[in-house]
Amino acid sequence: MSLTVITQRMGTISYQRVVAGLVLSVSLAMLAACSSASKSGTSGVNGVAQRPAVTTGQYVVKRGDTLFSIAFRYGWDWKALAAKNNIAAPYTIVPGQSIRFDGRAGTVPSGGTTTTVVSSSSGSKTTVTKRPVATTATPVNTQPLPAGPAPKGWGWPADGILIGKFSSNGSLNKGIDIAGDLGQPVLAASDGSVVYAGSGLRGYGELVIIKHSDTYVSAYGHNRRLLVREGQQVKVGQKIAEMGSTGTDRVKLHFEIRRQGKPVDPLQFLPRR
């Protein structure tokens, strides 16, 4: 074999190595960019952006909504939202009723009129036909609500590996994520009353919300099956759902604790393990 042929072959091998190195560098750069975008994006670890409380516009109640689910969705303390909209205990709302987030009072439908409203979440216009109802709104105290003590005796809502931690950054996780097996028990983290059980909150899948006091609620998302109903009293450690992957890409429990509507780190309340 001539020296010329050997030199040409060595040049070809070197060229291939250079090309392979460039391809690897570009791939690594793309992966890093994707990772950075994921961390700085608004989708969040549990697929839901943590937004500040909505303070403009209104929401028109749909079938299946509760005051608690609306407050949870828009970052409000449920009692403060009730006070702002003159909704008295037992905090009953009806389809077609407007829940306002600004300084104006909400309205309860009183006739068969049709109204066009603007959704505070998307800005899109929706036409809603109001139905006659017998409910009337009673003014309640609108003074700021004092923070109450946290419930005692918190317990872990599920066994499993902690795969997502709370972040105070507005675009990241509003709670913790616990990996587990499909159908694994999901447990109430403290005594309380079920105020929401359904799949109406985007990004949470089959969701349970439990009210523990006038200050604290907890939420359990992505379940396969719910085992409790709204209004039911539960005890700490009671099975309330089966773990699943609804509203997400893997089997896990998304767990939140909210104090006056604001997400707080659940690990500050749960026992060490």
C-alpha atoms as a PDB file:
ATOM      1  CA  MET A   1       0.000   0.000   0.000  1.00  0.00           C
ATOM      2  CA  SER A   2       1.421   3.365  -1.030  1.00  0.00           C
ATOM      3  CA  LEU A   3       2.120   6.223   1.370  1.00  0.00           C
ATOM      4  CA  THR A   4      -0.400   8.363  -0.528  1.00  0.00           C
ATOM      5  CA  VAL A   5      -3.253   5.866   0.054  1.00  0.00           C
ATOM      6  CA  ILE A   6      -2.384   5.540   3.757  1.00  0.00           C
ATOM      7  CA  THR A   7      -2.385   9.340   4.128  1.00  0.00           C
ATOM      8  CA  GLN A   8      -5.769   9.615   2.402  1.00  0.00           C
ATOM      9  CA  ARG A   9      -7.311   6.943   4.677  1.00  0.00           C
ATOM     10  CA  MET A  10      -5.950   8.638   7.792  1.00  0.00           C
ATOM     11  CA  GLY A  11      -7.440  11.908   6.570  1.00  0.00           C
ATOM     12  CA  THR A  12     -10.844  10.233   6.090  1.00  0.00           C
ATOM     13  CA  ILE A  13     -10.787   8.754   9.613  1.00  0.00           C
ATOM     14  CA  SER A  14      -9.833  12.105  11.140  1.00  0.00           C
ATOM     15  CA  TYR A  15     -12.612  13.843   9.221  1.00  0.00           C
ATOM     16  CA  GLN A  16     -15.174  11.303  10.477  1.00  0.00           C
ATOM     17  CA  ARG A  17     -14.016  11.820  14.042  1.00  0.00           C
ATOM     18  CA  VAL A  18     -14.328  15.585  13.707  1.00  0.00           C
ATOM     19  CA  VAL A  19     -17.859  15.255  12.290  1.00  0.00           C
ATOM     20  CA  ALA A  20     -18.859  12.839  15.088  1.00  0.00           C
ATOM     21  CA  GLY A  21     -17.497  15.242  17.672  1.00  0.00           C
ATOM     22  CA  LEU A  22     -19.461  18.136  16.219  1.00  0.00           C
ATOM     23  CA  VAL A  23     -22.692  16.102  16.182  1.00  0.00           C
ATOM     24  CA  LEU A  24     -22.174  15.094  19.830  1.00  0.00           C
ATOM     25  CA  SER A  25     -21.508  18.708  20.853  1.00  0.00           C
ATOM     26  CA  VAL A  26     -24.649  19.947  19.113  1.00  0.00           C
ATOM     27  CA  SER A  27     -26.729  17.188  20.743  1.00  0.00           C
ATOM     28  CA  LEU A  28     -25.432  18.036  24.197  1.00  0.00           C
ATOM     29  CA  ALA A  29     -26.135  21.718  23.617  1.00  0.00           C
ATOM     30  CA  MET A  30     -29.699  20.949  22.546  1.00  0.00           C
ATOM     31  CA  LEU A  31     -30.257  18.793  25.614  1.00  0.00           C
ATOM     32  CA  ALA A  32     -28.945  21.549  27.878  1.00  0.00           C
ATOM     33  CA  ALA A  33     -31.204  24.094  26.206  1.00  0.00           C
ATOM     34  CA  CYS A  34     -34.236  21.837  26.652  1.00  0.00           C
ATOM     35  CA  SER A  35     -33.385  21.283  30.293  1.00  0.00           C
ATOM     36  CA  SER A  36     -33.011  25.013  30.851  1.00  0.00           C
ATOM     37  CA  ALA A  37     -36.299  25.731  29.110  1.00  0.00           C
ATOM     38  CA  SER A  38     -38.023  23.121  31.227  1.00  0.00           C
ATOM     39  CA  LYS A  39     -36.727  24.702  34.419  1.00  0.00           C
ATOM     40  CA  SER A  40     -37.650  28.223  33.402  1.00  0.00           C
ATOM     41  CA  GLY A  41     -40.935  27.461  31.675  1.00  0.00           C
ATOM     42  CA  THR A  42     -44.438  27.816  33.015  1.00  0.00           C
ATOM     43  CA  SER A  43     -45.623  24.225  32.803  1.00  0.00           C
ATOM     44  CA  GLY A  44     -44.230  23.301  36.232  1.00  0.00           C
ATOM     45  CA  VAL A  45     -43.233  19.924  37.633  1.00  0.00           C
ATOM     46  CA  ASN A  46     -46.842  18.833  37.932  1.00  0.00           C
ATOM     47  CA  GLY A  47     -47.855  20.350  34.594  1.00  0.00           C
ATOM     48  CA  VAL A  48     -49.539  23.390  36.150  1.00  0.00           C
ATOM     49  CA  ALA A  49     -48.010  26.832  36.370  1.00  0.00           C
ATOM     50  CA  GLN A  50     -48.012  28.454  39.782  1.00  0.00           C
ATOM     51  CA  ARG A  51     -49.603  31.831  39.132  1.00  0.00           C
ATOM     52  CA  PRO A  52     -50.237  34.617  41.609  1.00  0.00           C
ATOM     53  CA  ALA A  53     -53.812  35.039  42.758  1.00  0.00           C
ATOM     54  CA  VAL A  54     -56.025  36.437  40.004  1.00  0.00           C
ATOM     55  CA  THR A  55     -57.220  39.913  40.992  1.00  0.00           C
ATOM     56  CA  THR A  56     -59.069  41.006  37.847  1.00  0.00           C
ATOM     57  CA  GLY A  57     -62.057  39.783  35.894  1.00  0.00           C
ATOM     58  CA  GLN A  58     -64.574  37.160  36.856  1.00  0.00           C
ATOM     59  CA  TYR A  59     -65.337  33.465  36.541  1.00  0.00           C
ATOM     60  CA  VAL A  60     -68.747  32.078  35.608  1.00  0.00           C
ATOM     61  CA  VAL A  61     -69.644  28.966  37.591  1.00  0.00           C
ATOM     62  CA  LYS A  62     -70.052  25.752  35.607  1.00  0.00           C
ATOM     63  CA  ARG A  63     -71.694  22.502  36.576  1.00  0.00           C
ATOM     64  CA  GLY A  64     -69.436  20.585  38.984  1.00  0.00           C
ATOM     65  CA  ASP A  65     -67.631  23.689  40.301  1.00  0.00           C
ATOM     66  CA  THR A  66     -67.422  24.439  44.003  1.00  0.00           C
ATOM     67  CA  LEU A  67     -66.267  27.599  45.719  1.00  0.00           C
ATOM     68  CA  PHE A  68     -63.255  25.635  46.977  1.00  0.00           C
ATOM     69  CA  SER A  69     -62.220  24.391  43.526  1.00  0.00           C
ATOM     70  CA  ILE A  70     -62.509  27.904  42.055  1.00  0.00           C
ATOM     71  CA  ALA A  71     -60.475  29.392  44.908  1.00  0.00           C
ATOM     72  CA  PHE A  72     -57.862  26.636  44.498  1.00  0.00           C
ATOM     73  CA  ARG A  73     -57.625  27.174  40.736  1.00  0.00           C
ATOM     74  CA  TYR A  74     -57.138  30.936  40.932  1.00  0.00           C
ATOM     75  CA  GLY A  75     -54.886  31.113  44.005  1.00  0.00           C
ATOM     76  CA  TRP A  76     -57.433  32.436  46.502  1.00  0.00           C
ATOM     77  CA  ASP A  77     -58.263  31.619  50.075  1.00  0.00           C
ATOM     78  CA  TRP A  78     -61.781  30.170  49.847  1.00  0.00           C
ATOM     79  CA  LYS A  79     -63.166  32.242  52.702  1.00  0.00           C
ATOM     80  CA  ALA A  80     -61.700  35.482  51.340  1.00  0.00           C
ATOM     81  CA  LEU A  81     -63.238  34.730  47.949  1.00  0.00           C
ATOM     82  CA  ALA A  82     -66.590  34.046  49.610  1.00  0.00           C
ATOM     83  CA  ALA A  83     -66.383  37.347  51.490  1.00  0.00           C
ATOM     84  CA  LYS A  84     -65.495  39.296  48.355  1.00  0.00           C
ATOM     85  CA  ASN A  85     -68.525  37.859  46.571  1.00  0.00           C
ATOM     86  CA  ASN A  86     -70.976  38.072  49.515  1.00  0.00           C
ATOM     87  CA  ILE A  87     -71.389  34.299  49.659  1.00  0.00           C
ATOM     88  CA  ALA A  88     -72.472  33.129  53.108  1.00  0.00           C
ATOM     89  CA  ALA A  89     -72.179  29.671  54.679  1.00  0.00           C
ATOM     90  CA  PRO A  90     -72.698  26.957  53.535  1.00  0.00           C
ATOM     91  CA  TYR A  91     -71.006  28.639  50.534  1.00  0.00           C
ATOM     92  CA  THR A  92     -73.332  27.234  47.892  1.00  0.00           C
ATOM     93  CA  ILE A  93     -72.816  28.427  44.310  1.00  0.00           C
ATOM     94  CA  VAL A  94     -74.842  27.673  41.188  1.00  0.00           C
ATOM     95  CA  PRO A  95     -74.129  27.395  37.429  1.00  0.00           C
ATOM     96  CA  GLY A  96     -74.258  30.800  35.780  1.00  0.00           C
ATOM     97  CA  GLN A  97     -73.249  32.667  38.921  1.00  0.00           C
ATOM     98  CA  SER A  98     -70.322  35.059  38.474  1.00  0.00           C
ATOM     99  CA  ILE A  99     -67.423  34.947  40.915  1.00  0.00           C
ATOM    100  CA  ARG A 100     -65.427  38.157  40.773  1.00  0.00           C
ATOM    101  CA  PHE A 101     -61.754  38.567  41.638  1.00  0.00           C
ATOM    102  CA  ASP A 102     -61.689  42.371  41.656  1.00  0.00           C
ATOM    103  CA  GLY A 103     -63.380  44.832  44.005  1.00  0.00           C
ATOM    104  CA  ARG A 104     -66.841  44.402  42.519  1.00  0.00           C
ATOM    105  CA  ALA A 105     -69.375  42.032  44.045  1.00  0.00           C
ATOM    106  CA  GLY A 106     -70.319  38.854  42.229  1.00  0.00           C
ATOM    107  CA  THR A 107     -73.851  38.178  41.043  1.00  0.00           C
ATOM    108  CA  VAL A 108     -76.291  35.330  41.464  1.00  0.00           C
ATOM    109  CA  PRO A 109     -78.452  34.565  38.385  1.00  0.00           C
ATOM    110  CA  SER A 110     -82.031  35.653  38.939  1.00  0.00           C
ATOM    111  CA  GLY A 111     -83.640  35.278  35.519  1.00  0.00           C
ATOM    112  CA  GLY A 112     -83.352  33.647  32.136  1.00  0.00           C
ATOM    113  CA  THR A 113     -81.040  36.266  30.666  1.00  0.00           C
ATOM    114  CA  THR A 114     -78.043  35.641  28.429  1.00  0.00           C
ATOM    115  CA  THR A 115     -74.772  37.403  29.203  1.00  0.00           C
ATOM    116  CA  THR A 116     -71.361  37.493  27.510  1.00  0.00           C
ATOM    117  CA  VAL A 117     -68.452  37.389  29.953  1.00  0.00           C
ATOM    118  CA  VAL A 118     -64.691  37.336  29.607  1.00  0.00           C
ATOM    119  CA  SER A 119     -62.797  34.471  31.216  1.00  0.00           C
ATOM    120  CA  SER A 120     -60.030  35.733  33.508  1.00  0.00           C
ATOM    121  CA  SER A 121     -57.803  32.776  32.604  1.00  0.00           C
ATOM    122  CA  SER A 122     -57.881  32.879  28.802  1.00  0.00           C
ATOM    123  CA  GLY A 123     -59.394  36.213  27.857  1.00  0.00           C
ATOM    124  CA  SER A 124     -61.893  34.464  25.569  1.00  0.00           C
ATOM    125  CA  LYS A 125     -65.558  35.476  25.465  1.00  0.00           C
ATOM    126  CA  THR A 126     -68.171  32.974  26.558  1.00  0.00           C
ATOM    127  CA  THR A 127     -71.927  33.289  26.299  1.00  0.00           C
ATOM    128  CA  VAL A 128     -73.706  32.004  29.392  1.00  0.00           C
ATOM    129  CA  THR A 129     -77.449  31.619  29.862  1.00  0.00           C
ATOM    130  CA  LYS A 130     -78.412  32.330  33.463  1.00  0.00           C
ATOM    131  CA  ARG A 131     -81.069  30.129  35.023  1.00  0.00           C
ATOM    132  CA  PRO A 132     -83.581  31.214  37.672  1.00  0.00           C
ATOM    133  CA  VAL A 133     -82.589  30.089  41.170  1.00  0.00           C
ATOM    134  CA  ALA A 134     -83.962  30.637  44.637  1.00  0.00           C
ATOM    135  CA  THR A 135     -80.581  31.393  46.205  1.00  0.00           C
ATOM    136  CA  THR A 136     -79.821  34.915  47.422  1.00  0.00           C
ATOM    137  CA  ALA A 137     -76.456  36.258  48.477  1.00  0.00           C
ATOM    138  CA  THR A 138     -76.065  37.489  52.044  1.00  0.00           C
ATOM    139  CA  PRO A 139     -73.305  40.001  52.932  1.00  0.00           C
ATOM    140  CA  VAL A 140     -70.531  38.598  55.108  1.00  0.00           C
ATOM    141  CA  ASN A 141     -67.534  40.083  56.854  1.00  0.00           C
ATOM    142  CA  THR A 142     -64.977  41.329  54.313  1.00  0.00           C
ATOM    143  CA  GLN A 143     -62.169  42.061  56.778  1.00  0.00           C
ATOM    144  CA  PRO A 144     -58.820  40.255  56.230  1.00  0.00           C
ATOM    145  CA  LEU A 145     -58.857  36.765  57.717  1.00  0.00           C
ATOM    146  CA  PRO A 146     -56.317  36.005  60.453  1.00  0.00           C
ATOM    147  CA  ALA A 147     -54.103  32.974  59.952  1.00  0.00           C
ATOM    148  CA  GLY A 148     -55.057  30.050  62.172  1.00  0.00           C
ATOM    149  CA  PRO A 149     -52.821  27.352  63.618  1.00  0.00           C
ATOM    150  CA  ALA A 150     -51.875  24.440  61.394  1.00  0.00           C
ATOM    151  CA  PRO A 151     -53.686  21.148  62.002  1.00  0.00           C
ATOM    152  CA  LYS A 152     -51.734  18.729  64.161  1.00  0.00           C
ATOM    153  CA  GLY A 153     -50.876  15.141  63.381  1.00  0.00           C
ATOM    154  CA  TRP A 154     -50.061  15.407  59.680  1.00  0.00           C
ATOM    155  CA  GLY A 155     -49.210  12.101  58.028  1.00  0.00           C
ATOM    156  CA  TRP A 156     -47.695  11.173  54.674  1.00  0.00           C
ATOM    157  CA  PRO A 157     -50.333  10.819  51.952  1.00  0.00           C
ATOM    158  CA  ALA A 158     -48.589   7.874  50.279  1.00  0.00           C
ATOM    159  CA  ASP A 159     -45.584   5.587  50.457  1.00  0.00           C
ATOM    160  CA  GLY A 160     -42.974   6.014  47.765  1.00  0.00           C
ATOM    161  CA  ILE A 161     -39.927   7.887  46.567  1.00  0.00           C
ATOM    162  CA  LEU A 162     -40.036  11.668  46.602  1.00  0.00           C
ATOM    163  CA  ILE A 163     -39.458  12.673  42.971  1.00  0.00           C
ATOM    164  CA  GLY A 164     -40.489  16.333  43.065  1.00  0.00           C
ATOM    165  CA  LYS A 165     -39.998  18.958  45.758  1.00  0.00           C
ATOM    166  CA  PHE A 166     -41.793  22.216  46.479  1.00  0.00           C
ATOM    167  CA  SER A 167     -40.434  25.365  44.856  1.00  0.00           C
ATOM    168  CA  SER A 168     -41.333  28.934  45.737  1.00  0.00           C
ATOM    169  CA  ASN A 169     -40.472  29.945  42.169  1.00  0.00           C
ATOM    170  CA  GLY A 170     -43.714  30.890  40.430  1.00  0.00           C
ATOM    171  CA  SER A 171     -43.100  28.562  37.464  1.00  0.00           C
ATOM    172  CA  LEU A 172     -42.191  25.428  39.373  1.00  0.00           C
ATOM    173  CA  ASN A 173     -43.766  22.890  41.725  1.00  0.00           C
ATOM    174  CA  LYS A 174     -46.528  23.986  44.103  1.00  0.00           C
ATOM    175  CA  GLY A 175     -46.233  20.824  46.192  1.00  0.00           C
ATOM    176  CA  ILE A 176     -44.397  17.518  46.220  1.00  0.00           C
ATOM    177  CA  ASP A 177     -44.586  14.487  43.948  1.00  0.00           C
ATOM    178  CA  ILE A 178     -44.416  10.925  45.248  1.00  0.00           C
ATOM    179  CA  ALA A 179     -43.782   8.012  42.880  1.00  0.00           C
ATOM    180  CA  GLY A 180     -45.700   4.796  43.412  1.00  0.00           C
ATOM    181  CA  ASP A 181     -47.591   1.922  41.826  1.00  0.00           C
ATOM    182  CA  LEU A 182     -50.859   2.095  39.937  1.00  0.00           C
ATOM    183  CA  GLY A 183     -53.730   1.612  42.386  1.00  0.00           C
ATOM    184  CA  GLN A 184     -51.581   2.248  45.471  1.00  0.00           C
ATOM    185  CA  PRO A 185     -53.516   3.777  48.418  1.00  0.00           C
ATOM    186  CA  VAL A 186     -53.630   7.563  48.719  1.00  0.00           C
ATOM    187  CA  LEU A 187     -54.295   8.649  52.307  1.00  0.00           C
ATOM    188  CA  ALA A 188     -55.723  11.754  53.938  1.00  0.00           C
ATOM    189  CA  ALA A 189     -52.810  13.694  55.444  1.00  0.00           C
ATOM    190  CA  SER A 190     -54.941  15.065  58.297  1.00  0.00           C
ATOM    191  CA  ASP A 191     -58.516  15.097  59.573  1.00  0.00           C
ATOM    192  CA  GLY A 192     -60.918  17.207  57.572  1.00  0.00           C
ATOM    193  CA  SER A 193     -63.831  17.499  55.180  1.00  0.00           C
ATOM    194  CA  VAL A 194     -63.740  16.726  51.455  1.00  0.00           C
ATOM    195  CA  VAL A 195     -64.624  19.939  49.629  1.00  0.00           C
ATOM    196  CA  TYR A 196     -63.793  18.796  46.093  1.00  0.00           C
ATOM    197  CA  ALA A 197     -63.602  15.439  44.348  1.00  0.00           C
ATOM    198  CA  GLY A 198     -63.423  15.472  40.571  1.00  0.00           C
ATOM    199  CA  SER A 199     -61.390  16.169  37.446  1.00  0.00           C
ATOM    200  CA  GLY A 200     -62.402  19.742  36.634  1.00  0.00           C
ATOM    201  CA  LEU A 201     -59.037  21.376  37.407  1.00  0.00           C
ATOM    202  CA  ARG A 202     -56.730  21.180  34.412  1.00  0.00           C
ATOM    203  CA  GLY A 203     -53.369  19.541  35.051  1.00  0.00           C
ATOM    204  CA  TYR A 204     -54.385  17.737  38.248  1.00  0.00           C
ATOM    205  CA  GLY A 205     -56.328  14.812  36.810  1.00  0.00           C
ATOM    206  CA  GLU A 206     -58.629  13.133  39.306  1.00  0.00           C
ATOM    207  CA  LEU A 207     -58.262  15.414  42.316  1.00  0.00           C
ATOM    208  CA  VAL A 208     -59.333  15.453  45.973  1.00  0.00           C
ATOM    209  CA  ILE A 209     -59.228  18.627  48.088  1.00  0.00           C
ATOM    210  CA  ILE A 210     -59.664  18.380  51.861  1.00  0.00           C
ATOM    211  CA  LYS A 211     -60.398  21.355  54.129  1.00  0.00           C
ATOM    212  CA  HIS A 212     -58.694  20.940  57.502  1.00  0.00           C
ATOM    213  CA  SER A 213     -59.553  24.350  58.980  1.00  0.00           C
ATOM    214  CA  ASP A 214     -60.530  27.833  57.890  1.00  0.00           C
ATOM    215  CA  THR A 215     -56.857  28.329  56.985  1.00  0.00           C
ATOM    216  CA  TYR A 216     -55.521  25.046  55.606  1.00  0.00           C
ATOM    217  CA  VAL A 217     -56.495  22.735  52.748  1.00  0.00           C
ATOM    218  CA  SER A 218     -54.619  19.850  51.156  1.00  0.00           C
ATOM    219  CA  ALA A 219     -54.840  18.521  47.601  1.00  0.00           C
ATOM    220  CA  TYR A 220     -54.173  15.079  46.099  1.00  0.00           C
ATOM    221  CA  GLY A 221     -53.811  14.919  42.316  1.00  0.00           C
ATOM    222  CA  HIS A 222     -53.384  12.449  39.413  1.00  0.00           C
ATOM    223  CA  ASN A 223     -55.401   9.666  41.059  1.00  0.00           C
ATOM    224  CA  ARG A 224     -56.760   6.679  39.162  1.00  0.00           C
ATOM    225  CA  ARG A 225     -59.923   6.444  41.221  1.00  0.00           C
ATOM    226  CA  LEU A 226     -61.516   8.609  43.912  1.00  0.00           C
ATOM    227  CA  LEU A 227     -62.980   6.863  46.975  1.00  0.00           C
ATOM    228  CA  VAL A 228     -64.568   9.833  48.750  1.00  0.00           C
ATOM    229  CA  ARG A 229     -67.306  12.323  47.922  1.00  0.00           C
ATOM    230  CA  GLU A 230     -67.735  16.019  48.586  1.00  0.00           C
ATOM    231  CA  GLY A 231     -68.965  16.754  52.099  1.00  0.00           C
ATOM    232  CA  GLN A 232     -67.536  13.530  53.538  1.00  0.00           C
ATOM    233  CA  GLN A 233     -65.567  13.714  56.793  1.00  0.00           C
ATOM    234  CA  VAL A 234     -62.210  11.900  56.726  1.00  0.00           C
ATOM    235  CA  LYS A 235     -59.568  10.969  59.283  1.00  0.00           C
ATOM    236  CA  VAL A 236     -55.796  11.114  58.969  1.00  0.00           C
ATOM    237  CA  GLY A 237     -54.542   7.933  57.283  1.00  0.00           C
ATOM    238  CA  GLN A 238     -57.922   7.115  55.718  1.00  0.00           C
ATOM    239  CA  LYS A 239     -57.769   5.840  52.133  1.00  0.00           C
ATOM    240  CA  ILE A 240     -59.303   8.491  49.896  1.00  0.00           C
ATOM    241  CA  ALA A 241     -58.110   7.483  46.420  1.00  0.00           C
ATOM    242  CA  GLU A 242     -55.983   5.142  44.332  1.00  0.00           C
ATOM    243  CA  MET A 243     -52.740   6.447  42.839  1.00  0.00           C
ATOM    244  CA  GLY A 244     -52.731   6.901  39.070  1.00  0.00           C
ATOM    245  CA  SER A 245     -51.454   8.956  36.174  1.00  0.00           C
ATOM    246  CA  THR A 246     -54.469  11.065  35.175  1.00  0.00           C
ATOM    247  CA  GLY A 247     -53.381  14.484  33.962  1.00  0.00           C
ATOM    248  CA  THR A 248     -49.692  13.552  33.914  1.00  0.00           C
ATOM    249  CA  ASP A 249     -47.156  11.279  32.206  1.00  0.00           C
ATOM    250  CA  ARG A 250     -46.404   8.750  34.957  1.00  0.00           C
ATOM    251  CA  VAL A 251     -47.915   7.125  38.015  1.00  0.00           C
ATOM    252  CA  LYS A 252     -47.462   9.479  40.974  1.00  0.00           C
ATOM    253  CA  LEU A 253     -49.253  11.488  43.630  1.00  0.00           C
ATOM    254  CA  HIS A 254     -49.061  15.258  43.484  1.00  0.00           C
ATOM    255  CA  PHE A 255     -49.645  16.600  46.999  1.00  0.00           C
ATOM    256  CA  GLU A 256     -50.134  20.200  48.066  1.00  0.00           C
ATOM    257  CA  ILE A 257     -50.834  22.066  51.287  1.00  0.00           C
ATOM    258  CA  ARG A 258     -52.238  25.577  50.989  1.00  0.00           C
ATOM    259  CA  ARG A 259     -52.429  28.175  53.738  1.00  0.00           C
ATOM    260  CA  GLN A 260     -55.099  30.805  53.032  1.00  0.00           C
ATOM    261  CA  GLY A 261     -54.940  29.819  49.372  1.00  0.00           C
ATOM    262  CA  LYS A 262     -51.151  30.096  49.054  1.00  0.00           C
ATOM    263  CA  PRO A 263     -49.028  26.964  48.414  1.00  0.00           C
ATOM    264  CA  VAL A 264     -46.588  26.114  51.216  1.00  0.00           C
ATOM    265  CA  ASP A 265     -43.903  23.441  51.441  1.00  0.00           C
ATOM    266  CA  PRO A 266     -45.577  20.196  52.604  1.00  0.00           C
ATOM    267  CA  LEU A 267     -42.266  18.936  53.994  1.00  0.00           C
ATOM    268  CA  GLN A 268     -42.535  21.596  56.721  1.00  0.00           C
ATOM    269  CA  PHE A 269     -45.658  19.816  58.012  1.00  0.00           C
ATOM    270  CA  LEU A 270     -45.045  16.123  57.292  1.00  0.00           C
ATOM    271  CA  PRO A 271     -43.039  13.960  59.720  1.00  0.00           C
ATOM    272  CA  ARG A 272     -39.458  13.119  58.802  1.00  0.00           C
ATOM    273  CA  ARG A 273     -38.869   9.758  57.218  1.00  0.00           C
END
